[in-house]
């Protein structure tokens, strides 16, 4: 239509030129004489018109070719940036996962450190109790040894007295006895006194040995406690060094994550710029098509047809979000409608298909120009049912849903662009 319009324009100029050629400077009409002159003029005019038309078509073709090349390059760039962004996101996810694992490990180490510290405190408390008990036991042992020594000395004195007195003691017992029974009782008393000393000494010896054994056991326990305390303290020191190392690694992960986030942002911005170029080029192409009369589509407002009939669940809304998968944008420029693979995707309004292609990120996608700068986008389809240049009506099947491109599962990503910029589709659906 662009070429036809220029042909009509050139024809008008040629007609005007011919008319002027028939008018003389004084205003008289000059009539051509003979059919040869008329035919020559007609042939020359046709030749001129054809030449101008060919040039116009060449310029238009060259212009369209340049625009197509720019769009193709932008799409290639967008796909490449999307790949790099996906790779950067994967690295970022790996770094975050490694950091999370390391932080969980440090938490476990801190927990173990706390348990070791509690054990050390118990050991220190136990050591104090053992030392106090040993101190008391030593005092008891000293008292037992002193009592045994005193009893032993007293017994020795009594034995010495009996030995030195000799038979006189027994003679006194016999002479002072009032009867045989009394004599027997006194003799038994002397024997019992000696036996008493012996038994007391024996008991003291046993007590001393018992206290000594207790002291020995306590000292052994104390040494074991000190050894265990030393071992636990060494474990704690080793673990503290390990915790410091892991915390240092976490700080390094923070730096790496920040760098990787900057890398992701760089590719995200580059991808966005490339997609903006695509959107602007498509909008310009749609505008040119409308200006050339290639489509009578004019968006007059109103509610769009729901793009996936029978499926109403929106799993992701327009705007900021957490990226659901590596490579997916965190700035969602449409809505995701969950559906089955193969579900019919229909045109939201009548218009002209300006894109029906495959893209690394969008998968199989369709763009429909509705006029007035309004374009709808349908992404991640399993297959397409329309081609570029085709005129479609509202509700007409244009594709079949799927999970191509960067996708987490079967769904239709529905977007709306106004003058090249994305807007919330719900404003056109509600």
Protein backbone atom coordinates (compact mmCIF):
# COMPACT_ATOMS: atom_id res chain seq x y z
CA UNK A 1 0.00 0.00 0.00
CA UNK A 2 2.94 2.25 0.69
CA UNK A 3 4.10 1.75 -2.95
CA UNK A 4 0.58 2.24 -4.37
CA UNK A 5 0.24 5.51 -2.50
CA UNK A 6 3.52 6.75 -4.00
CA UNK A 7 2.46 5.58 -7.46
CA UNK A 8 -0.76 7.60 -7.15
CA UNK A 9 1.26 10.58 -5.98
CA UNK A 10 3.68 10.28 -8.94
CA UNK A 11 0.79 9.84 -11.39
CA UNK A 12 -0.75 13.05 -10.16
CA UNK A 13 2.53 14.91 -10.64
CA UNK A 14 2.93 13.47 -14.14
CA UNK A 15 -0.61 14.49 -15.05
CA UNK A 16 0.00 17.99 -13.77
CA UNK A 17 3.28 18.16 -15.69
CA UNK A 18 1.58 17.13 -18.91
CA UNK A 19 -1.16 19.68 -18.35
CA UNK A 20 1.37 22.45 -17.76
CA UNK A 21 3.26 21.40 -20.87
CA UNK A 22 0.15 22.05 -22.94
CA UNK A 23 -0.16 25.63 -21.69
CA UNK A 24 1.96 28.30 -23.38
CA UNK A 25 3.45 31.32 -21.64
CA UNK A 26 0.66 33.54 -22.92
CA UNK A 27 -2.03 31.21 -21.62
CA UNK A 28 -3.01 29.72 -24.96
CA UNK A 29 -3.57 26.04 -25.17
CA UNK A 30 -1.10 24.31 -27.45
CA UNK A 31 -2.64 21.32 -29.18
CA UNK A 32 -0.30 18.51 -30.11
CA UNK A 33 -0.27 17.69 -33.77
CA UNK A 34 -0.32 14.14 -34.93
CA UNK A 35 -0.71 10.84 -33.10
CA UNK A 36 3.03 10.18 -33.00
CA UNK A 37 3.64 13.15 -30.72
CA UNK A 38 0.84 12.07 -28.37
CA UNK A 39 2.04 8.46 -28.20
CA UNK A 40 5.62 9.59 -27.57
CA UNK A 41 4.51 11.76 -24.69
CA UNK A 42 2.41 8.94 -23.24
CA UNK A 43 5.28 6.44 -23.54
CA UNK A 44 7.71 8.87 -21.90
CA UNK A 45 5.29 9.49 -19.03
CA UNK A 46 4.78 5.77 -18.45
CA UNK A 47 8.52 5.21 -18.48
CA UNK A 48 9.06 8.01 -15.98
CA UNK A 49 6.27 6.70 -13.71
CA UNK A 50 7.68 3.14 -13.80
CA UNK A 51 11.20 4.40 -12.99
CA UNK A 52 9.94 6.45 -10.06
CA UNK A 53 7.82 3.53 -8.87
CA UNK A 54 10.79 1.14 -9.03
CA UNK A 55 12.92 3.58 -7.04
CA UNK A 56 10.17 3.98 -4.46
CA UNK A 57 9.78 0.22 -4.13
CA UNK A 58 13.56 -0.15 -3.78
CA UNK A 59 13.69 2.48 -1.05
CA UNK A 60 10.73 0.89 0.75
CA UNK A 61 12.23 -2.59 0.44
CA UNK A 62 15.58 -1.34 1.70
CA UNK A 63 13.86 0.43 4.60
CA UNK A 64 11.82 -2.65 5.50
CA UNK A 65 14.91 -4.83 5.21
CA UNK A 66 16.84 -2.55 7.55
CA UNK A 67 13.99 -2.57 10.06
CA UNK A 68 13.69 -6.36 9.88
CA UNK A 69 17.45 -6.70 10.35
CA UNK A 70 17.31 -4.42 13.39
CA UNK A 71 14.47 -6.44 14.89
CA UNK A 72 16.28 -9.71 14.17
CA UNK A 73 19.48 -8.40 15.76
CA UNK A 74 17.56 -7.13 18.78
CA UNK A 75 15.88 -10.52 19.15
CA UNK A 76 19.24 -12.29 18.87
CA UNK A 77 20.72 -9.93 21.44
CA UNK A 78 17.74 -10.41 23.76
CA UNK A 79 18.04 -14.19 23.50
CA UNK A 80 21.79 -14.03 24.15
CA UNK A 81 21.34 -11.73 27.15
CA UNK A 82 18.59 -14.02 28.40
CA UNK A 83 20.97 -16.99 28.23
CA UNK A 84 23.70 -15.08 30.03
CA UNK A 85 21.20 -13.85 32.59
CA UNK A 86 19.95 -17.40 33.13
CA UNK A 87 23.50 -18.63 33.61
CA UNK A 88 24.26 -15.75 35.99
CA UNK A 89 21.06 -16.49 37.91
CA UNK A 90 22.04 -20.16 38.17
CA UNK A 91 25.44 -19.18 39.55
CA UNK A 92 23.69 -16.76 41.91
CA UNK A 93 21.31 -19.49 43.08
CA UNK A 94 24.25 -21.85 43.63
CA UNK A 95 26.10 -19.19 45.63
CA UNK A 96 23.03 -18.49 47.74
CA UNK A 97 22.48 -22.20 48.33
CA UNK A 98 26.13 -22.68 49.30
CA UNK A 99 25.90 -19.70 51.63
CA UNK A 100 22.69 -21.03 53.19
CA UNK A 101 24.30 -24.44 53.71
CA UNK A 102 27.36 -22.80 55.24
CA UNK A 103 25.22 -20.64 57.52
CA UNK A 104 23.31 -23.73 58.65
CA UNK A 105 26.64 -25.45 59.29
CA UNK A 106 27.83 -22.48 61.35
CA UNK A 107 24.57 -22.59 63.31
CA UNK A 108 25.25 -26.25 64.10
CA UNK A 109 28.83 -25.39 65.04
CA UNK A 110 27.62 -22.61 67.32
CA UNK A 111 25.18 -25.06 68.88
CA UNK A 112 27.98 -27.57 69.43
CA UNK A 113 30.17 -24.81 70.84
CA UNK A 114 27.44 -23.90 73.28
CA UNK A 115 27.10 -27.55 74.32
CA UNK A 116 30.87 -27.81 74.78
CA UNK A 117 30.88 -24.65 76.86
CA UNK A 118 28.13 -26.09 79.06
CA UNK A 119 30.15 -29.30 79.40
CA UNK A 120 33.26 -27.31 80.28
CA UNK A 121 31.30 -25.40 82.92
CA UNK A 122 30.06 -28.68 84.40
CA UNK A 123 33.58 -30.09 84.38
CA UNK A 124 34.95 -26.97 86.06
CA UNK A 125 32.21 -27.15 88.67
CA UNK A 126 32.85 -30.85 89.16
CA UNK A 127 36.55 -30.15 89.51
CA UNK A 128 35.90 -27.59 92.23
CA UNK A 129 33.70 -30.09 94.07
CA UNK A 130 36.35 -32.80 93.73
CA UNK A 131 39.06 -30.47 94.99
CA UNK A 132 36.90 -29.48 97.97
CA UNK A 133 36.10 -33.13 98.71
CA UNK A 134 39.75 -34.09 98.41
CA UNK A 135 40.63 -31.27 100.78
CA UNK A 136 38.08 -32.55 103.33
CA UNK A 137 39.23 -36.12 102.80
CA UNK A 138 42.83 -35.14 103.40
CA UNK A 139 41.76 -33.49 106.66
CA UNK A 140 39.79 -36.61 107.64
CA UNK A 141 42.74 -38.80 106.75
CA UNK A 142 45.01 -36.64 108.84
CA UNK A 143 42.62 -36.90 111.79
CA UNK A 144 42.36 -40.67 111.34
CA UNK A 145 46.09 -41.01 111.22
CA UNK A 146 46.44 -38.86 114.35
CA UNK A 147 43.77 -40.89 116.21
CA UNK A 148 45.40 -44.13 115.18
CA UNK A 149 48.78 -42.82 116.26
CA UNK A 150 47.41 -41.67 119.62
CA UNK A 151 45.62 -44.96 120.26
CA UNK A 152 48.72 -46.85 119.28
CA UNK A 153 50.88 -44.82 121.67
CA UNK A 154 48.42 -45.30 124.53
CA UNK A 155 48.30 -49.03 123.88
CA UNK A 156 52.08 -49.18 123.85
CA UNK A 157 52.18 -47.40 127.20
CA UNK A 158 49.72 -49.84 128.73
CA UNK A 159 51.62 -52.81 127.35
CA UNK A 160 54.84 -51.35 128.68
CA UNK A 161 53.29 -50.86 132.13
CA UNK A 162 52.09 -54.44 132.21
CA UNK A 163 55.45 -55.67 131.05
CA UNK A 164 57.34 -53.60 133.63
CA UNK A 165 55.05 -54.55 136.51
CA UNK A 166 55.47 -58.17 135.65
CA UNK A 167 53.81 -60.67 138.04
CA UNK A 168 53.19 -57.96 140.64
CA UNK A 169 50.10 -56.85 138.74
CA UNK A 170 48.71 -60.36 138.68
CA UNK A 171 49.75 -60.84 142.33
CA UNK A 172 47.84 -57.72 143.29
CA UNK A 173 44.86 -58.99 141.44
CA UNK A 174 45.03 -62.28 143.35
CA UNK A 175 45.63 -60.71 146.77
CA UNK A 176 42.97 -58.10 146.49
CA UNK A 177 40.37 -60.50 145.16
CA UNK A 178 37.65 -61.20 147.74
CA UNK A 179 36.78 -64.47 146.17
CA UNK A 180 37.64 -66.76 143.35
CA UNK A 181 34.93 -65.24 141.29
CA UNK A 182 36.29 -61.76 141.96
CA UNK A 183 39.75 -62.91 141.03
CA UNK A 184 38.48 -64.35 137.75
CA UNK A 185 36.61 -61.17 136.96
CA UNK A 186 39.70 -59.01 137.56
CA UNK A 187 41.91 -61.29 135.46
CA UNK A 188 39.30 -61.11 132.67
CA UNK A 189 39.22 -57.30 132.97
CA UNK A 190 42.97 -57.07 132.41
CA UNK A 191 42.64 -59.26 129.32
CA UNK A 192 39.68 -57.25 128.00
CA UNK A 193 41.61 -54.01 128.41
CA UNK A 194 44.36 -55.39 126.19
CA UNK A 195 41.79 -56.71 123.68
CA UNK A 196 39.98 -53.36 123.68
CA UNK A 197 43.18 -51.57 122.78
CA UNK A 198 43.76 -54.05 120.01
CA UNK A 199 40.24 -53.68 118.59
CA UNK A 200 40.38 -49.89 118.74
CA UNK A 201 43.69 -49.92 116.96
CA UNK A 202 42.27 -52.28 114.35
CA UNK A 203 39.26 -50.04 113.75
CA UNK A 204 41.43 -46.97 113.47
CA UNK A 205 43.64 -48.73 110.98
CA UNK A 206 40.61 -49.73 108.90
CA UNK A 207 39.26 -46.17 109.01
CA UNK A 208 42.61 -44.81 107.97
CA UNK A 209 42.83 -47.22 105.05
CA UNK A 210 39.29 -46.35 103.99
CA UNK A 211 40.02 -42.63 104.03
CA UNK A 212 43.26 -43.23 102.16
CA UNK A 213 41.40 -45.23 99.50
CA UNK A 214 38.79 -42.48 99.17
CA UNK A 215 41.56 -39.91 98.81
CA UNK A 216 43.25 -42.03 96.15
CA UNK A 217 40.00 -42.41 94.21
CA UNK A 218 39.22 -38.71 94.43
CA UNK A 219 42.67 -37.79 93.19
CA UNK A 220 42.23 -40.24 90.31
CA UNK A 221 38.83 -38.71 89.50
CA UNK A 222 40.37 -35.26 89.66
CA UNK A 223 43.06 -36.20 87.17
CA UNK A 224 40.45 -37.73 84.85
CA UNK A 225 38.32 -34.60 85.15
CA UNK A 226 41.31 -32.38 84.40
CA UNK A 227 42.18 -34.51 81.34
CA UNK A 228 38.58 -34.39 80.09
CA UNK A 229 38.41 -30.67 80.70
CA UNK A 230 41.60 -30.20 78.70
CA UNK A 231 40.23 -32.34 75.86
CA UNK A 232 36.93 -30.45 75.73
CA UNK A 233 38.72 -27.10 75.86
CA UNK A 234 40.90 -28.16 72.93
CA UNK A 235 37.78 -29.22 71.01
CA UNK A 236 36.22 -25.87 71.74
CA UNK A 237 39.30 -23.99 70.54
CA UNK A 238 39.40 -26.07 67.33
CA UNK A 239 35.71 -25.45 66.74
CA UNK A 240 36.07 -21.72 67.38
CA UNK A 241 38.79 -21.57 64.73
CA UNK A 242 36.52 -23.50 62.34
CA UNK A 243 33.60 -21.16 63.04
CA UNK A 244 35.79 -18.13 62.33
CA UNK A 245 36.90 -19.70 59.04
CA UNK A 246 33.31 -20.45 58.02
CA UNK A 247 32.13 -16.96 58.94
CA UNK A 248 34.95 -15.57 56.82
CA UNK A 249 33.77 -17.78 53.94
CA UNK A 250 30.22 -16.48 54.43
CA UNK A 251 31.54 -12.93 54.08
CA UNK A 252 33.27 -13.97 50.86
CA UNK A 253 29.99 -15.47 49.64
CA UNK A 254 28.27 -12.16 50.40
CA UNK A 255 30.80 -10.38 48.18
CA UNK A 256 30.41 -12.98 45.40
CA UNK A 257 26.62 -12.83 45.64
CA UNK A 258 26.68 -9.03 45.40
CA UNK A 259 28.94 -9.25 42.33
CA UNK A 260 26.71 -11.89 40.75
CA UNK A 261 23.58 -9.86 41.48
CA UNK A 262 25.21 -6.95 39.67
CA UNK A 263 25.96 -9.31 36.77
CA UNK A 264 22.34 -10.46 36.70
CA UNK A 265 21.16 -6.85 36.79
CA UNK A 266 23.50 -5.99 33.93
CA UNK A 267 22.11 -8.76 31.71
CA UNK A 268 18.56 -8.02 32.83
CA UNK A 269 18.96 -4.39 31.80
CA UNK A 270 20.61 -5.36 28.51
CA UNK A 271 17.82 -7.85 27.79
CA UNK A 272 15.22 -5.22 28.68
CA UNK A 273 16.83 -2.69 26.36
CA UNK A 274 16.91 -5.23 23.52
CA UNK A 275 13.26 -6.12 24.12
CA UNK A 276 12.38 -2.42 24.21
CA UNK A 277 14.01 -2.10 20.79
CA UNK A 278 11.91 -5.04 19.58
CA UNK A 279 8.74 -3.54 21.05
CA UNK A 280 9.46 -0.13 19.55
CA UNK A 281 10.23 -1.66 16.15
CA UNK A 282 7.08 -3.76 16.25
CA UNK A 283 5.03 -0.76 17.30
CA UNK A 284 6.56 1.28 14.47
CA UNK A 285 5.86 -1.53 12.02
CA UNK A 286 2.27 -1.74 13.23
CA UNK A 287 1.90 2.03 12.92
CA UNK A 288 3.31 1.99 9.38
CA UNK A 289 0.98 -0.82 8.43
CA UNK A 290 -1.96 1.13 9.79
CA UNK A 291 -0.82 4.29 7.94
CA UNK A 292 -0.49 2.40 4.68
CA UNK A 293 -4.03 1.12 4.97
CA UNK A 294 -2.91 -2.49 5.33
CA UNK A 295 -5.28 -2.95 8.28
CA UNK A 296 -8.43 -1.21 9.38
CA UNK A 297 -7.87 -2.25 13.04
CA UNK A 298 -8.65 0.55 15.45
CA UNK A 299 -8.81 -0.15 19.17
CA UNK A 300 -11.81 1.72 20.54
CA UNK A 301 -11.57 0.57 24.16
CA UNK A 302 -13.63 -1.93 26.08
CA UNK A 303 -13.01 -5.19 27.89
CA UNK A 304 -10.74 -7.77 26.28
CA UNK A 305 -11.79 -11.39 25.84
CA UNK A 306 -10.20 -13.70 28.43
CA UNK A 307 -7.21 -15.25 26.56
CA UNK A 308 -7.56 -18.82 27.90
CA UNK A 309 -11.25 -19.79 28.08
CA UNK A 310 -12.07 -22.20 30.89
CA UNK A 311 -8.93 -21.43 32.89
CA UNK A 312 -9.15 -18.59 35.40
CA UNK A 313 -6.32 -19.19 37.89
CA UNK A 314 -3.68 -16.44 37.84
CA UNK A 315 -0.43 -17.80 39.28
CA UNK A 316 1.66 -14.64 38.88
CA UNK A 317 0.49 -11.04 38.61
CA UNK A 318 1.91 -7.98 36.86
CA UNK A 319 4.80 -6.19 38.60
CA UNK A 320 7.61 -7.08 40.98
CA UNK A 321 7.91 -10.68 42.13
CA UNK A 322 10.42 -13.29 43.23
CA UNK A 323 11.85 -14.95 40.13
CA UNK A 324 10.22 -18.43 40.01
CA UNK A 325 13.03 -19.99 37.96
CA UNK A 326 16.49 -19.08 36.71
CA UNK A 327 16.11 -16.86 33.65
CA UNK A 328 12.65 -15.59 34.57
CA UNK A 329 12.23 -11.88 35.19
CA UNK A 330 11.60 -10.54 38.69
CA UNK A 331 9.71 -7.65 37.05
CA UNK A 332 6.72 -9.50 35.62
CA UNK A 333 5.31 -7.72 32.58
CA UNK A 334 2.05 -9.58 32.36
CA UNK A 335 -0.05 -12.21 34.10
CA UNK A 336 0.43 -16.00 34.11
CA UNK A 337 -2.73 -18.06 33.62
CA UNK A 338 -2.35 -21.70 34.66
CA UNK A 339 -3.78 -24.18 32.15
CA UNK A 340 -3.25 -27.57 30.56
CA UNK A 341 -0.86 -28.15 27.70
CA UNK A 342 -2.79 -27.80 24.46
CA UNK A 343 -5.46 -25.50 25.89
CA UNK A 344 -6.74 -23.03 23.29
CA UNK A 345 -5.29 -19.52 23.53
CA UNK A 346 -7.54 -16.94 21.87
CA UNK A 347 -7.14 -13.36 20.67
CA UNK A 348 -8.20 -10.92 23.36
CA UNK A 349 -9.51 -8.54 20.69
CA UNK A 350 -9.60 -8.24 16.92
CA UNK A 351 -6.40 -7.16 15.24
CA UNK A 352 -3.47 -8.08 13.03
CA UNK A 353 -0.77 -10.60 13.91
CA UNK A 354 2.58 -8.78 13.84
CA UNK A 355 4.70 -11.50 15.50
CA UNK A 356 4.32 -15.28 15.42
CA UNK A 357 7.71 -16.76 16.28
CA UNK A 358 9.92 -18.57 18.79
CA UNK A 359 12.14 -16.81 21.32
CA UNK A 360 14.55 -18.35 23.82
CA UNK A 361 12.80 -16.74 26.77
CA UNK A 362 9.22 -16.33 25.51
CA UNK A 363 9.08 -19.67 23.69
CA UNK A 364 6.43 -19.80 20.96
CA UNK A 365 4.70 -16.42 21.18
CA UNK A 366 2.24 -14.24 19.31
CA UNK A 367 1.84 -10.45 19.22
CA UNK A 368 -1.39 -8.90 17.93
CA UNK A 369 -1.71 -5.23 16.98
CA UNK A 370 -5.13 -3.84 17.91
CA UNK A 371 -4.48 -0.31 16.68
CA UNK A 372 -4.05 2.83 18.72
CA UNK A 373 -0.64 1.61 19.91
CA UNK A 374 -2.19 -1.34 21.79
CA UNK A 375 -0.51 -4.74 21.31
CA UNK A 376 -1.29 -7.99 23.17
CA UNK A 377 1.32 -10.70 23.76
CA UNK A 378 0.77 -14.45 24.32
CA UNK A 379 3.86 -16.46 25.40
CA UNK A 380 5.11 -20.03 26.13
CA UNK A 381 2.75 -21.77 23.69
CA UNK A 382 3.29 -25.36 22.61
CA UNK A 383 2.34 -24.43 19.03
CA UNK A 384 1.01 -21.48 17.02
CA UNK A 385 -2.18 -21.34 14.94
CA UNK A 386 -1.64 -18.02 13.11
CA UNK A 387 1.04 -16.32 11.04
CA UNK A 388 2.33 -12.76 10.65
CA UNK A 389 0.00 -10.47 8.70
CA UNK A 390 -3.09 -12.51 9.46
CA UNK A 391 -6.17 -10.64 10.65
CA UNK A 392 -7.87 -12.24 13.65
CA UNK A 393 -11.07 -11.60 15.54
CA UNK A 394 -11.72 -11.58 19.28
CA UNK A 395 -12.00 -15.12 20.63
CA UNK A 396 -10.27 -16.72 17.64
CA UNK A 397 -7.75 -19.45 18.53
CA UNK A 398 -4.25 -18.15 17.82
CA UNK A 399 -2.13 -20.73 19.70
CA UNK A 400 -2.15 -23.72 22.03
CA UNK A 401 -0.78 -23.36 25.55
CA UNK A 402 2.42 -25.04 26.67
CA UNK A 403 5.65 -24.49 28.58
CA UNK A 404 8.19 -23.41 25.97
CA UNK A 405 10.94 -20.88 26.69
CA UNK A 406 11.76 -19.96 30.28
CA UNK A 407 8.79 -21.51 32.04
CA UNK A 408 7.93 -23.48 35.18
CA UNK A 409 4.99 -25.36 33.70
CA UNK A 410 2.05 -25.16 31.28
CA UNK A 411 0.55 -21.67 31.30
CA UNK A 412 -0.21 -18.65 29.16
CA UNK A 413 1.71 -15.44 29.81
CA UNK A 414 -0.62 -12.66 28.69
CA UNK A 415 0.78 -9.15 28.32
CA UNK A 416 -0.44 -5.80 27.04
CA UNK A 417 1.81 -3.14 25.50
CA UNK A 418 0.67 0.42 24.98
CA UNK A 419 2.90 2.50 22.72
CA UNK A 420 5.73 0.01 23.28
CA UNK A 421 5.51 -0.12 27.09
CA UNK A 422 3.98 -2.93 29.15
CA UNK A 423 0.95 -2.19 31.35
CA UNK A 424 -1.12 -4.30 33.75
CA UNK A 425 -3.37 -6.52 31.57
CA UNK A 426 -6.06 -6.67 34.25
CA UNK A 427 -6.90 -3.09 33.40
CA UNK A 428 -8.10 -4.36 30.01
CA UNK A 429 -9.65 -7.60 31.21
CA UNK A 430 -11.77 -6.24 34.07
